[in-house]
Amino acid sequence: MAARLLEPIAVRNMRLSNRLVMPPMATGRAHPDRGVSPEMLAYYKEKSSGGYIGLVIIEHSYISADGRAHDRQLSVADDSVIPGLKELAEVIHGQGSKTVMQINHAGSSATEKILGAKPVAPSAVDNPLRGSPPRELGRDEIAGIVCDFAAAAGRAWEAGFDGVELHAAHGFLLNQFFSPLTNRRQDEYGGDVLNRIRIHLEIVKAIRETVGQEFPILVRLGAADYREGGTTIDDSMVAARALEAAGVDLLDVSAGFCGFPETGEQGFFAPLSEAIKRAVNIPVILTGGIREAGIAEQLLQDGKADLIGVGRAIMSDSLWAKKAVESLQGR
C-alpha cells in the first residue's frame, strides 16, 4: 500500500504533491529594511531543494508597522516588498514545492522597544507571555487591522504565492482576540467564541474580496491555551466550524498562549488536530515535535490529520524531507 504521506492533496485550487509541510518558523533572516534578503532566499532554496516538501509556509510576516514582533522580521506591510516576495516564491516553486505566506500582527506580543510605542491588543490586560499591559484597540482601529490583513494577502497573491495563512496562534493578536486570557471586551468582539473570532471572520471576508475565490486561505489556530481560563478544544471546534463556513480552506493546528503539553511524544498536538478534523470537512495540519517519517505516516494512517508539519527536524537537517520521502517510497 502506498504511503499516505506521499499522496497528493488539493487545497482549493492548490494541488500539493504530497502531505509533508514545512511549517512557519521565524529565522530572523530578513534584510534590515525588512525585505527579502539573499540570506533568506538561500535558506528557503536549501530547505525546499528537490521539491520533497509538498508545502512550504513562510515564517510570520508583519502586516503593519505596529504589528511587528521582532527585528529582521519579514514585512508584507507595503508594496515595496512585492518584488522580493516574488523572488522568494519563484525560488521555492523552482524546487517543485508550493508555498504559502503566513501573515501576522503581533499585538501585545510586541514590545515598546521594537515599536517605539505601546503595543495594542483587544484589552488592556497583561500579556501572559510578556507581562506588560498594552493599549486597548478601538473599533476603528480593528477595522484598520482587517484592511491591513487583506492588503497583505493581496501582496502575497500579487507576488505569486499559492495562498496565505493567518497566524492566529502562539499568543499573537488574533490569538489574543480568541483567548479569554486577553480578551475582556464588552462589545461585539468579546464574550462568546463567535464574538472572539469576529475579527478572524471579518479578515477572511476582506481577503476574499481582495483576492477572489480561488486563492487558498489557511488559518494557524491556537487550539488550546493549556491554562485555566484560556481557550479549550471545545472553543476551537466551534471556531473551526465557523472558519470553514466563512471560506477558510485549511486549518493548521497549534497551541495558543502557553506552549505545548510536556508529553515527550512526537505529534503532541494530535488530540487537538484529531478533534478539529472531526468537526470540519476541510484539511487539517498536525505539527508537534515530529522527527521520524514512520511516525508521521502512522499519524496520518490513524486519522489524526490530513497533512503533517515537520519543523525543527527540517530546520536542523535540510535533507530530512528527501530521506523521509525515499524511506517511504521504499516500503
C-alpha atoms as a PDB file:
ATOM      1  CA  MET A   1       0.000   0.000   0.000  1.00  0.00           C
ATOM      2  CA  ALA A   2       1.315   3.438  -0.939  1.00  0.00           C
ATOM      3  CA  ALA A   3       2.333   5.672   1.924  1.00  0.00           C
ATOM      4  CA  ARG A   4      -0.357   8.186   2.819  1.00  0.00           C
ATOM      5  CA  LEU A   5       2.266  10.907   3.424  1.00  0.00           C
ATOM      6  CA  LEU A   6       3.181  10.657  -0.267  1.00  0.00           C
ATOM      7  CA  GLU A   7      -0.377  11.020  -1.562  1.00  0.00           C
ATOM      8  CA  PRO A   8      -1.251  14.310  -3.287  1.00  0.00           C
ATOM      9  CA  ILE A   9      -3.945  16.540  -1.822  1.00  0.00           C
ATOM     10  CA  ALA A  10      -5.837  19.578  -3.105  1.00  0.00           C
ATOM     11  CA  VAL A  11      -6.473  22.703  -1.026  1.00  0.00           C
ATOM     12  CA  ARG A  12      -8.970  24.682  -3.107  1.00  0.00           C
ATOM     13  CA  ASN A  13      -7.045  25.187  -6.388  1.00  0.00           C
ATOM     14  CA  MET A  14      -3.624  24.418  -4.845  1.00  0.00           C
ATOM     15  CA  ARG A  15      -2.575  20.831  -5.573  1.00  0.00           C
ATOM     16  CA  LEU A  16       0.189  19.523  -3.317  1.00  0.00           C
ATOM     17  CA  SER A  17       2.419  16.682  -4.481  1.00  0.00           C
ATOM     18  CA  ASN A  18       2.436  15.137  -1.008  1.00  0.00           C
ATOM     19  CA  ARG A  19       1.229  15.774   2.541  1.00  0.00           C
ATOM     20  CA  LEU A  20       4.504  16.937   4.068  1.00  0.00           C
ATOM     21  CA  VAL A  21       4.527  20.551   5.239  1.00  0.00           C
ATOM     22  CA  MET A  22       7.358  22.771   6.405  1.00  0.00           C
ATOM     23  CA  PRO A  23       5.556  24.944   8.952  1.00  0.00           C
ATOM     24  CA  PRO A  24       6.407  28.609   9.505  1.00  0.00           C
ATOM     25  CA  MET A  25       9.487  29.122  11.669  1.00  0.00           C
ATOM     26  CA  ALA A  26      10.950  32.566  12.336  1.00  0.00           C
ATOM     27  CA  THR A  27      14.522  32.820  11.055  1.00  0.00           C
ATOM     28  CA  GLY A  28      15.407  36.498  11.605  1.00  0.00           C
ATOM     29  CA  ARG A  29      16.955  36.442   8.129  1.00  0.00           C
ATOM     30  CA  ALA A  30      15.034  39.336   6.575  1.00  0.00           C
ATOM     31  CA  HIS A  31      17.014  42.294   5.263  1.00  0.00           C
ATOM     32  CA  PRO A  32      17.472  45.100   7.825  1.00  0.00           C
ATOM     33  CA  ASP A  33      14.928  47.055   5.765  1.00  0.00           C
ATOM     34  CA  ARG A  34      12.519  44.125   6.419  1.00  0.00           C
ATOM     35  CA  GLY A  35      12.525  42.887   2.812  1.00  0.00           C
ATOM     36  CA  VAL A  36      13.627  39.517   1.449  1.00  0.00           C
ATOM     37  CA  SER A  37      17.411  39.129   1.763  1.00  0.00           C
ATOM     38  CA  PRO A  38      19.851  36.942  -0.196  1.00  0.00           C
ATOM     39  CA  GLU A  39      20.338  35.004   3.042  1.00  0.00           C
ATOM     40  CA  MET A  40      16.615  34.283   3.222  1.00  0.00           C
ATOM     41  CA  LEU A  41      16.461  33.229  -0.431  1.00  0.00           C
ATOM     42  CA  ALA A  42      19.348  30.810   0.115  1.00  0.00           C
ATOM     43  CA  TYR A  43      17.722  29.385   3.242  1.00  0.00           C
ATOM     44  CA  TYR A  44      14.391  28.620   1.579  1.00  0.00           C
ATOM     45  CA  LYS A  45      16.068  27.286  -1.554  1.00  0.00           C
ATOM     46  CA  GLU A  46      18.065  24.862   0.571  1.00  0.00           C
ATOM     47  CA  LYS A  47      15.052  23.725   2.608  1.00  0.00           C
ATOM     48  CA  SER A  48      12.828  23.181  -0.464  1.00  0.00           C
ATOM     49  CA  SER A  49      15.567  21.627  -2.610  1.00  0.00           C
ATOM     50  CA  GLY A  50      14.280  18.769  -4.736  1.00  0.00           C
ATOM     51  CA  GLY A  51      10.619  19.517  -4.086  1.00  0.00           C
ATOM     52  CA  TYR A  52      10.318  16.812  -1.416  1.00  0.00           C
ATOM     53  CA  ILE A  53       8.151  19.096   0.751  1.00  0.00           C
ATOM     54  CA  GLY A  54       4.635  19.463  -0.615  1.00  0.00           C
ATOM     55  CA  LEU A  55       4.004  22.830   1.050  1.00  0.00           C
ATOM     56  CA  VAL A  56       6.417  25.411   2.469  1.00  0.00           C
ATOM     57  CA  ILE A  57       4.786  28.004   4.743  1.00  0.00           C
ATOM     58  CA  ILE A  58       6.854  31.176   5.034  1.00  0.00           C
ATOM     59  CA  GLU A  59       7.632  32.481   8.514  1.00  0.00           C
ATOM     60  CA  HIS A  60       5.266  35.010  10.074  1.00  0.00           C
ATOM     61  CA  SER A  61       5.464  38.355   8.298  1.00  0.00           C
ATOM     62  CA  TYR A  62       4.030  41.552   9.674  1.00  0.00           C
ATOM     63  CA  ILE A  63       1.080  43.325   8.065  1.00  0.00           C
ATOM     64  CA  SER A  64       1.709  46.785   9.529  1.00  0.00           C
ATOM     65  CA  ALA A  65       4.451  48.623  11.385  1.00  0.00           C
ATOM     66  CA  ASP A  66       2.556  48.483  14.695  1.00  0.00           C
ATOM     67  CA  GLY A  67       2.276  44.700  14.357  1.00  0.00           C
ATOM     68  CA  ARG A  68       5.979  43.905  14.129  1.00  0.00           C
ATOM     69  CA  ALA A  69       7.202  41.243  16.552  1.00  0.00           C
ATOM     70  CA  HIS A  70      10.998  41.400  16.293  1.00  0.00           C
ATOM     71  CA  ASP A  71      13.974  42.776  14.415  1.00  0.00           C
ATOM     72  CA  ARG A  72      14.706  41.362  10.955  1.00  0.00           C
ATOM     73  CA  GLN A  73      11.155  40.078  10.684  1.00  0.00           C
ATOM     74  CA  LEU A  74       9.891  39.879   7.112  1.00  0.00           C
ATOM     75  CA  SER A  75       7.452  42.599   6.076  1.00  0.00           C
ATOM     76  CA  VAL A  76       4.366  42.301   3.909  1.00  0.00           C
ATOM     77  CA  ALA A  77       3.200  45.752   5.013  1.00  0.00           C
ATOM     78  CA  ASP A  78       3.660  47.808   1.845  1.00  0.00           C
ATOM     79  CA  ASP A  79       4.023  47.384  -1.900  1.00  0.00           C
ATOM     80  CA  SER A  80       7.783  47.951  -1.887  1.00  0.00           C
ATOM     81  CA  VAL A  81       8.325  44.370  -0.657  1.00  0.00           C
ATOM     82  CA  ILE A  82       6.458  42.715  -3.541  1.00  0.00           C
ATOM     83  CA  PRO A  83       9.469  42.243  -5.882  1.00  0.00           C
ATOM     84  CA  GLY A  84      11.436  40.475  -3.151  1.00  0.00           C
ATOM     85  CA  LEU A  85       8.446  38.312  -2.208  1.00  0.00           C
ATOM     86  CA  LYS A  86       8.027  37.397  -5.869  1.00  0.00           C
ATOM     87  CA  GLU A  87      11.636  36.234  -5.992  1.00  0.00           C
ATOM     88  CA  LEU A  88      11.098  34.167  -2.832  1.00  0.00           C
ATOM     89  CA  ALA A  89       8.009  32.449  -4.273  1.00  0.00           C
ATOM     90  CA  GLU A  90       9.876  31.746  -7.514  1.00  0.00           C
ATOM     91  CA  VAL A  91      12.813  30.178  -5.663  1.00  0.00           C
ATOM     92  CA  ILE A  92      10.524  27.703  -3.885  1.00  0.00           C
ATOM     93  CA  HIS A  93       8.418  26.997  -6.974  1.00  0.00           C
ATOM     94  CA  GLY A  94      11.640  26.348  -8.857  1.00  0.00           C
ATOM     95  CA  GLN A  95      12.360  23.462  -6.497  1.00  0.00           C
ATOM     96  CA  GLY A  96       8.918  21.930  -7.096  1.00  0.00           C
ATOM     97  CA  SER A  97       7.107  22.859  -3.876  1.00  0.00           C
ATOM     98  CA  LYS A  98       4.062  25.051  -3.289  1.00  0.00           C
ATOM     99  CA  THR A  99       4.355  27.950  -0.881  1.00  0.00           C
ATOM    100  CA  VAL A 100       2.018  29.967   1.330  1.00  0.00           C
ATOM    101  CA  MET A 101       2.765  33.259   3.088  1.00  0.00           C
ATOM    102  CA  GLN A 102       1.932  33.495   6.794  1.00  0.00           C
ATOM    103  CA  ILE A 103       0.772  37.000   7.724  1.00  0.00           C
ATOM    104  CA  ASN A 104       0.592  38.290  11.254  1.00  0.00           C
ATOM    105  CA  HIS A 105       0.049  41.133  13.688  1.00  0.00           C
ATOM    106  CA  ALA A 106       1.916  40.723  16.973  1.00  0.00           C
ATOM    107  CA  GLY A 107      -0.485  42.716  19.142  1.00  0.00           C
ATOM    108  CA  SER A 108       0.737  42.743  22.739  1.00  0.00           C
ATOM    109  CA  SER A 109       3.420  40.166  21.911  1.00  0.00           C
ATOM    110  CA  ALA A 110       5.372  43.098  20.504  1.00  0.00           C
ATOM    111  CA  THR A 111       7.379  45.368  22.779  1.00  0.00           C
ATOM    112  CA  GLU A 112       7.595  49.121  23.120  1.00  0.00           C
ATOM    113  CA  LYS A 113      11.324  48.818  22.407  1.00  0.00           C
ATOM    114  CA  ILE A 114      10.626  47.266  18.996  1.00  0.00           C
ATOM    115  CA  LEU A 115       7.709  49.523  18.064  1.00  0.00           C
ATOM    116  CA  GLY A 116       8.657  52.806  19.690  1.00  0.00           C
ATOM    117  CA  ALA A 117       5.092  52.926  21.028  1.00  0.00           C
ATOM    118  CA  LYS A 118       2.855  50.954  23.364  1.00  0.00           C
ATOM    119  CA  PRO A 119       1.671  47.699  21.758  1.00  0.00           C
ATOM    120  CA  VAL A 120      -2.040  47.225  21.055  1.00  0.00           C
ATOM    121  CA  ALA A 121      -4.371  44.391  21.989  1.00  0.00           C
ATOM    122  CA  PRO A 122      -8.067  43.512  22.343  1.00  0.00           C
ATOM    123  CA  SER A 123      -7.990  44.578  26.000  1.00  0.00           C
ATOM    124  CA  ALA A 124      -5.593  46.451  28.259  1.00  0.00           C
ATOM    125  CA  VAL A 125      -4.647  43.382  30.274  1.00  0.00           C
ATOM    126  CA  ASP A 126      -1.190  41.928  30.812  1.00  0.00           C
ATOM    127  CA  ASN A 127       0.021  39.582  28.119  1.00  0.00           C
ATOM    128  CA  PRO A 128       0.642  36.178  29.812  1.00  0.00           C
ATOM    129  CA  LEU A 129       3.931  35.856  27.937  1.00  0.00           C
ATOM    130  CA  ARG A 130       5.116  39.453  28.274  1.00  0.00           C
ATOM    131  CA  GLY A 131       3.622  40.789  31.495  1.00  0.00           C
ATOM    132  CA  SER A 132       3.194  44.384  30.342  1.00  0.00           C
ATOM    133  CA  PRO A 133      -0.222  45.949  29.731  1.00  0.00           C
ATOM    134  CA  PRO A 134      -0.945  47.056  26.138  1.00  0.00           C
ATOM    135  CA  ARG A 135      -3.313  49.704  24.830  1.00  0.00           C
ATOM    136  CA  GLU A 136      -6.855  48.548  24.020  1.00  0.00           C
ATOM    137  CA  LEU A 137      -7.866  48.783  20.373  1.00  0.00           C
ATOM    138  CA  GLY A 138     -10.822  50.918  19.328  1.00  0.00           C
ATOM    139  CA  ARG A 139     -13.388  49.715  16.804  1.00  0.00           C
ATOM    140  CA  ASP A 140     -11.965  51.940  14.061  1.00  0.00           C
ATOM    141  CA  GLU A 141      -8.508  50.532  14.704  1.00  0.00           C
ATOM    142  CA  ILE A 142      -9.849  46.970  14.464  1.00  0.00           C
ATOM    143  CA  ALA A 143     -11.390  47.849  11.102  1.00  0.00           C
ATOM    144  CA  GLY A 144      -7.996  49.178  10.024  1.00  0.00           C
ATOM    145  CA  ILE A 145      -6.285  45.929  11.029  1.00  0.00           C
ATOM    146  CA  VAL A 146      -8.816  43.957   8.983  1.00  0.00           C
ATOM    147  CA  CYS A 147      -7.915  46.102   5.978  1.00  0.00           C
ATOM    148  CA  ASP A 148      -4.196  45.631   6.663  1.00  0.00           C
ATOM    149  CA  PHE A 149      -4.570  41.840   6.647  1.00  0.00           C
ATOM    150  CA  ALA A 150      -6.493  41.979   3.370  1.00  0.00           C
ATOM    151  CA  ALA A 151      -3.896  44.258   1.770  1.00  0.00           C
ATOM    152  CA  ALA A 152      -1.085  41.957   2.917  1.00  0.00           C
ATOM    153  CA  ALA A 153      -2.877  38.955   1.419  1.00  0.00           C
ATOM    154  CA  GLY A 154      -3.230  40.895  -1.809  1.00  0.00           C
ATOM    155  CA  ARG A 155       0.537  41.464  -1.888  1.00  0.00           C
ATOM    156  CA  ALA A 156       1.172  37.741  -1.362  1.00  0.00           C
ATOM    157  CA  TRP A 157      -1.227  36.961  -4.202  1.00  0.00           C
ATOM    158  CA  GLU A 158       0.441  39.545  -6.470  1.00  0.00           C
ATOM    159  CA  ALA A 159       3.866  38.120  -5.611  1.00  0.00           C
ATOM    160  CA  GLY A 160       2.821  34.682  -6.839  1.00  0.00           C
ATOM    161  CA  PHE A 161       2.337  32.776  -3.589  1.00  0.00           C
ATOM    162  CA  ASP A 162      -0.093  29.858  -3.714  1.00  0.00           C
ATOM    163  CA  GLY A 163      -2.086  31.001  -0.686  1.00  0.00           C
ATOM    164  CA  VAL A 164      -1.962  32.883   2.570  1.00  0.00           C
ATOM    165  CA  GLU A 165      -2.086  31.764   6.202  1.00  0.00           C
ATOM    166  CA  LEU A 166      -3.468  33.888   9.039  1.00  0.00           C
ATOM    167  CA  HIS A 167      -1.405  33.491  12.208  1.00  0.00           C
ATOM    168  CA  ALA A 168      -3.983  33.007  14.952  1.00  0.00           C
ATOM    169  CA  ALA A 169      -1.801  31.067  17.402  1.00  0.00           C
ATOM    170  CA  HIS A 170       1.175  31.420  19.770  1.00  0.00           C
ATOM    171  CA  GLY A 171      -0.160  34.448  21.620  1.00  0.00           C
ATOM    172  CA  PHE A 172      -0.189  36.914  18.712  1.00  0.00           C
ATOM    173  CA  LEU A 173      -3.021  39.384  18.048  1.00  0.00           C
ATOM    174  CA  LEU A 174      -5.640  37.059  16.537  1.00  0.00           C
ATOM    175  CA  ASN A 175      -4.943  34.559  19.304  1.00  0.00           C
ATOM    176  CA  GLN A 176      -5.327  37.414  21.789  1.00  0.00           C
ATOM    177  CA  PHE A 177      -8.829  38.093  20.473  1.00  0.00           C
ATOM    178  CA  PHE A 178      -9.717  34.390  20.653  1.00  0.00           C
ATOM    179  CA  SER A 179      -8.383  33.803  24.161  1.00  0.00           C
ATOM    180  CA  PRO A 180     -10.373  34.821  27.267  1.00  0.00           C
ATOM    181  CA  LEU A 181      -6.995  35.367  28.952  1.00  0.00           C
ATOM    182  CA  THR A 182      -6.506  38.536  26.916  1.00  0.00           C
ATOM    183  CA  ASN A 183      -9.934  39.404  25.538  1.00  0.00           C
ATOM    184  CA  ARG A 184     -12.129  41.058  28.183  1.00  0.00           C
ATOM    185  CA  ARG A 185     -14.058  43.240  25.744  1.00  0.00           C
ATOM    186  CA  GLN A 186     -17.707  44.015  26.384  1.00  0.00           C
ATOM    187  CA  ASP A 187     -18.589  44.843  22.757  1.00  0.00           C
ATOM    188  CA  GLU A 188     -19.215  42.633  19.719  1.00  0.00           C
ATOM    189  CA  TYR A 189     -15.549  41.497  19.712  1.00  0.00           C
ATOM    190  CA  GLY A 190     -15.700  39.939  23.190  1.00  0.00           C
ATOM    191  CA  GLY A 191     -17.724  37.379  25.070  1.00  0.00           C
ATOM    192  CA  ASP A 192     -18.601  34.078  23.407  1.00  0.00           C
ATOM    193  CA  VAL A 193     -16.432  32.206  20.922  1.00  0.00           C
ATOM    194  CA  LEU A 194     -18.075  33.629  17.803  1.00  0.00           C
ATOM    195  CA  ASN A 195     -17.610  37.170  19.072  1.00  0.00           C
ATOM    196  CA  ARG A 196     -13.991  36.467  19.956  1.00  0.00           C
ATOM    197  CA  ILE A 197     -13.299  35.280  16.381  1.00  0.00           C
ATOM    198  CA  ARG A 198     -15.364  38.038  14.780  1.00  0.00           C
ATOM    199  CA  ILE A 199     -12.155  39.744  13.648  1.00  0.00           C
ATOM    200  CA  HIS A 200     -10.933  36.471  12.075  1.00  0.00           C
ATOM    201  CA  LEU A 201     -14.170  36.134  10.112  1.00  0.00           C
ATOM    202  CA  GLU A 202     -14.045  39.761   9.001  1.00  0.00           C
ATOM    203  CA  ILE A 203     -10.461  39.275   7.811  1.00  0.00           C
ATOM    204  CA  VAL A 204     -11.380  36.162   5.827  1.00  0.00           C
ATOM    205  CA  LYS A 205     -14.239  38.055   4.151  1.00  0.00           C
ATOM    206  CA  ALA A 206     -11.976  41.027   3.364  1.00  0.00           C
ATOM    207  CA  ILE A 207      -9.289  38.758   1.905  1.00  0.00           C
ATOM    208  CA  ARG A 208     -11.830  37.004  -0.298  1.00  0.00           C
ATOM    209  CA  GLU A 209     -12.985  40.392  -1.571  1.00  0.00           C
ATOM    210  CA  THR A 210      -9.351  41.285  -2.324  1.00  0.00           C
ATOM    211  CA  VAL A 211      -8.018  38.114  -3.974  1.00  0.00           C
ATOM    212  CA  GLY A 212     -11.149  36.342  -5.221  1.00  0.00           C
ATOM    213  CA  GLN A 213     -12.464  32.848  -4.679  1.00  0.00           C
ATOM    214  CA  GLU A 214      -9.584  30.713  -5.967  1.00  0.00           C
ATOM    215  CA  PHE A 215      -6.779  31.831  -3.635  1.00  0.00           C
ATOM    216  CA  PRO A 216      -6.463  29.430  -0.669  1.00  0.00           C
ATOM    217  CA  ILE A 217      -6.817  30.869   2.835  1.00  0.00           C
ATOM    218  CA  LEU A 218      -5.289  28.918   5.729  1.00  0.00           C
ATOM    219  CA  VAL A 219      -5.529  29.646   9.435  1.00  0.00           C
ATOM    220  CA  ARG A 220      -2.978  28.586  12.042  1.00  0.00           C
ATOM    221  CA  LEU A 221      -5.274  28.149  15.015  1.00  0.00           C
ATOM    222  CA  GLY A 222      -4.073  28.223  18.611  1.00  0.00           C
ATOM    223  CA  ALA A 223      -6.441  25.453  19.584  1.00  0.00           C
ATOM    224  CA  ALA A 224      -5.750  25.402  23.341  1.00  0.00           C
ATOM    225  CA  ASP A 225      -4.057  27.752  25.782  1.00  0.00           C
ATOM    226  CA  TYR A 226      -3.230  24.980  28.273  1.00  0.00           C
ATOM    227  CA  ARG A 227      -4.018  27.361  31.099  1.00  0.00           C
ATOM    228  CA  GLU A 228      -7.051  27.725  33.361  1.00  0.00           C
ATOM    229  CA  GLY A 229      -9.418  30.308  31.954  1.00  0.00           C
ATOM    230  CA  GLY A 230      -7.930  30.088  28.464  1.00  0.00           C
ATOM    231  CA  THR A 231      -9.204  28.596  25.239  1.00  0.00           C
ATOM    232  CA  THR A 232     -10.111  24.911  25.125  1.00  0.00           C
ATOM    233  CA  ILE A 233     -10.545  22.386  22.355  1.00  0.00           C
ATOM    234  CA  ASP A 234     -14.310  22.808  22.690  1.00  0.00           C
ATOM    235  CA  ASP A 235     -13.899  26.519  21.893  1.00  0.00           C
ATOM    236  CA  SER A 236     -11.695  25.644  18.945  1.00  0.00           C
ATOM    237  CA  MET A 237     -14.149  23.162  17.468  1.00  0.00           C
ATOM    238  CA  VAL A 238     -16.779  25.922  17.427  1.00  0.00           C
ATOM    239  CA  ALA A 239     -14.253  28.320  15.899  1.00  0.00           C
ATOM    240  CA  ALA A 240     -13.131  25.759  13.313  1.00  0.00           C
ATOM    241  CA  ARG A 241     -16.676  25.199  12.045  1.00  0.00           C
ATOM    242  CA  ALA A 242     -17.236  28.967  11.779  1.00  0.00           C
ATOM    243  CA  LEU A 243     -13.950  29.487   9.930  1.00  0.00           C
ATOM    244  CA  GLU A 244     -14.808  26.719   7.479  1.00  0.00           C
ATOM    245  CA  ALA A 245     -18.237  28.267   6.864  1.00  0.00           C
ATOM    246  CA  ALA A 246     -16.541  31.637   6.234  1.00  0.00           C
ATOM    247  CA  GLY A 247     -14.415  30.165   3.448  1.00  0.00           C
ATOM    248  CA  VAL A 248     -11.183  29.028   5.124  1.00  0.00           C
ATOM    249  CA  ASP A 249      -9.621  26.148   3.172  1.00  0.00           C
ATOM    250  CA  LEU A 250      -7.279  24.537   5.709  1.00  0.00           C
ATOM    251  CA  LEU A 251      -6.652  24.639   9.462  1.00  0.00           C
ATOM    252  CA  ASP A 252      -3.081  24.411  10.753  1.00  0.00           C
ATOM    253  CA  VAL A 253      -3.442  23.286  14.373  1.00  0.00           C
ATOM    254  CA  SER A 254      -1.057  24.543  17.025  1.00  0.00           C
ATOM    255  CA  ALA A 255      -1.044  25.918  20.571  1.00  0.00           C
ATOM    256  CA  GLY A 256      -2.290  29.177  21.979  1.00  0.00           C
ATOM    257  CA  PHE A 257      -0.564  31.141  24.710  1.00  0.00           C
ATOM    258  CA  CYS A 258       1.082  28.591  26.903  1.00  0.00           C
ATOM    259  CA  GLY A 259       3.268  26.429  24.714  1.00  0.00           C
ATOM    260  CA  PHE A 260       2.602  22.735  24.361  1.00  0.00           C
ATOM    261  CA  PRO A 261       1.926  19.686  26.511  1.00  0.00           C
ATOM    262  CA  GLU A 262       5.046  18.152  28.017  1.00  0.00           C
ATOM    263  CA  THR A 263       4.297  14.649  26.758  1.00  0.00           C
ATOM    264  CA  GLY A 264       7.597  13.996  25.015  1.00  0.00           C
ATOM    265  CA  GLU A 265       5.630  12.259  22.259  1.00  0.00           C
ATOM    266  CA  GLN A 266       6.003  13.063  18.585  1.00  0.00           C
ATOM    267  CA  GLY A 267       2.865  14.718  17.240  1.00  0.00           C
ATOM    268  CA  PHE A 268       1.861  16.067  20.640  1.00  0.00           C
ATOM    269  CA  PHE A 269      -0.916  18.238  19.156  1.00  0.00           C
ATOM    270  CA  ALA A 270      -2.647  15.100  17.796  1.00  0.00           C
ATOM    271  CA  PRO A 271      -5.545  15.241  20.296  1.00  0.00           C
ATOM    272  CA  LEU A 272      -6.278  18.794  19.106  1.00  0.00           C
ATOM    273  CA  SER A 273      -5.950  18.096  15.379  1.00  0.00           C
ATOM    274  CA  GLU A 274      -7.999  14.903  15.627  1.00  0.00           C
ATOM    275  CA  ALA A 275     -10.864  16.704  17.372  1.00  0.00           C
ATOM    276  CA  ILE A 276     -10.823  19.553  14.855  1.00  0.00           C
ATOM    277  CA  LYS A 277     -10.647  17.104  11.953  1.00  0.00           C
ATOM    278  CA  ARG A 278     -13.871  15.539  13.253  1.00  0.00           C
ATOM    279  CA  ALA A 279     -15.524  18.965  13.387  1.00  0.00           C
ATOM    280  CA  VAL A 280     -14.788  20.120   9.829  1.00  0.00           C
ATOM    281  CA  ASN A 281     -14.561  18.852   6.265  1.00  0.00           C
ATOM    282  CA  ILE A 282     -11.524  20.897   5.229  1.00  0.00           C
ATOM    283  CA  PRO A 283      -7.973  19.517   5.608  1.00  0.00           C
ATOM    284  CA  VAL A 284      -6.098  19.803   8.907  1.00  0.00           C
ATOM    285  CA  ILE A 285      -2.336  20.010   9.513  1.00  0.00           C
ATOM    286  CA  LEU A 286      -0.763  18.346  12.565  1.00  0.00           C
ATOM    287  CA  THR A 287       2.591  19.537  13.896  1.00  0.00           C
ATOM    288  CA  GLY A 288       4.379  18.968  17.178  1.00  0.00           C
ATOM    289  CA  GLY A 289       7.858  17.538  17.558  1.00  0.00           C
ATOM    290  CA  ILE A 290       7.642  15.022  14.713  1.00  0.00           C
ATOM    291  CA  ARG A 291      11.100  13.673  13.855  1.00  0.00           C
ATOM    292  CA  GLU A 292      10.522  10.306  12.178  1.00  0.00           C
ATOM    293  CA  ALA A 293       8.895   9.626   8.826  1.00  0.00           C
ATOM    294  CA  GLY A 294       7.329   6.420  10.110  1.00  0.00           C
ATOM    295  CA  ILE A 295       5.576   8.234  12.919  1.00  0.00           C
ATOM    296  CA  ALA A 296       4.370  10.949  10.518  1.00  0.00           C
ATOM    297  CA  GLU A 297       2.914   8.222   8.329  1.00  0.00           C
ATOM    298  CA  GLN A 298       1.265   6.457  11.265  1.00  0.00           C
ATOM    299  CA  LEU A 299      -0.380   9.685  12.462  1.00  0.00           C
ATOM    300  CA  LEU A 300      -1.976  10.049   9.036  1.00  0.00           C
ATOM    301  CA  GLN A 301      -2.994   6.401   8.943  1.00  0.00           C
ATOM    302  CA  ASP A 302      -4.618   6.816  12.356  1.00  0.00           C
ATOM    303  CA  GLY A 303      -6.722   9.740  11.140  1.00  0.00           C
ATOM    304  CA  LYS A 304      -5.090  12.366  13.366  1.00  0.00           C
ATOM    305  CA  ALA A 305      -4.804  14.862  10.483  1.00  0.00           C
ATOM    306  CA  ASP A 306      -4.637  15.213   6.701  1.00  0.00           C
ATOM    307  CA  LEU A 307      -1.142  16.721   6.461  1.00  0.00           C
ATOM    308  CA  ILE A 308       1.944  16.594   8.678  1.00  0.00           C
ATOM    309  CA  GLY A 309       4.105  19.578   9.568  1.00  0.00           C
ATOM    310  CA  VAL A 310       7.745  18.865  10.389  1.00  0.00           C
ATOM    311  CA  GLY A 311       9.558  21.920  11.684  1.00  0.00           C
ATOM    312  CA  ARG A 312      12.618  21.559  13.866  1.00  0.00           C
ATOM    313  CA  ALA A 313      13.784  18.352  12.188  1.00  0.00           C
ATOM    314  CA  ILE A 314      13.824  20.077   8.786  1.00  0.00           C
ATOM    315  CA  MET A 315      15.365  23.217  10.270  1.00  0.00           C
ATOM    316  CA  SER A 316      18.277  21.193  11.647  1.00  0.00           C
ATOM    317  CA  ASP A 317      18.626  18.835   8.652  1.00  0.00           C
ATOM    318  CA  SER A 318      17.864  20.132   5.161  1.00  0.00           C
ATOM    319  CA  LEU A 319      17.939  16.559   3.813  1.00  0.00           C
ATOM    320  CA  TRP A 320      15.271  15.337   6.245  1.00  0.00           C
ATOM    321  CA  ALA A 321      12.429  15.555   3.712  1.00  0.00           C
ATOM    322  CA  LYS A 322      14.441  13.790   0.993  1.00  0.00           C
ATOM    323  CA  LYS A 323      15.341  10.958   3.333  1.00  0.00           C
ATOM    324  CA  ALA A 324      11.768  10.698   4.623  1.00  0.00           C
ATOM    325  CA  VAL A 325      10.230  10.508   1.148  1.00  0.00           C
ATOM    326  CA  GLU A 326      12.791   7.994  -0.077  1.00  0.00           C
ATOM    327  CA  SER A 327      12.290   5.799   3.004  1.00  0.00           C
ATOM    328  CA  LEU A 328       8.535   5.690   2.439  1.00  0.00           C
ATOM    329  CA  GLN A 329       8.901   5.075  -1.296  1.00  0.00           C
ATOM    330  CA  GLY A 330      10.985   2.023  -0.459  1.00  0.00           C
ATOM    331  CA  ARG A 331       8.387   0.425   1.829  1.00  0.00           C
END
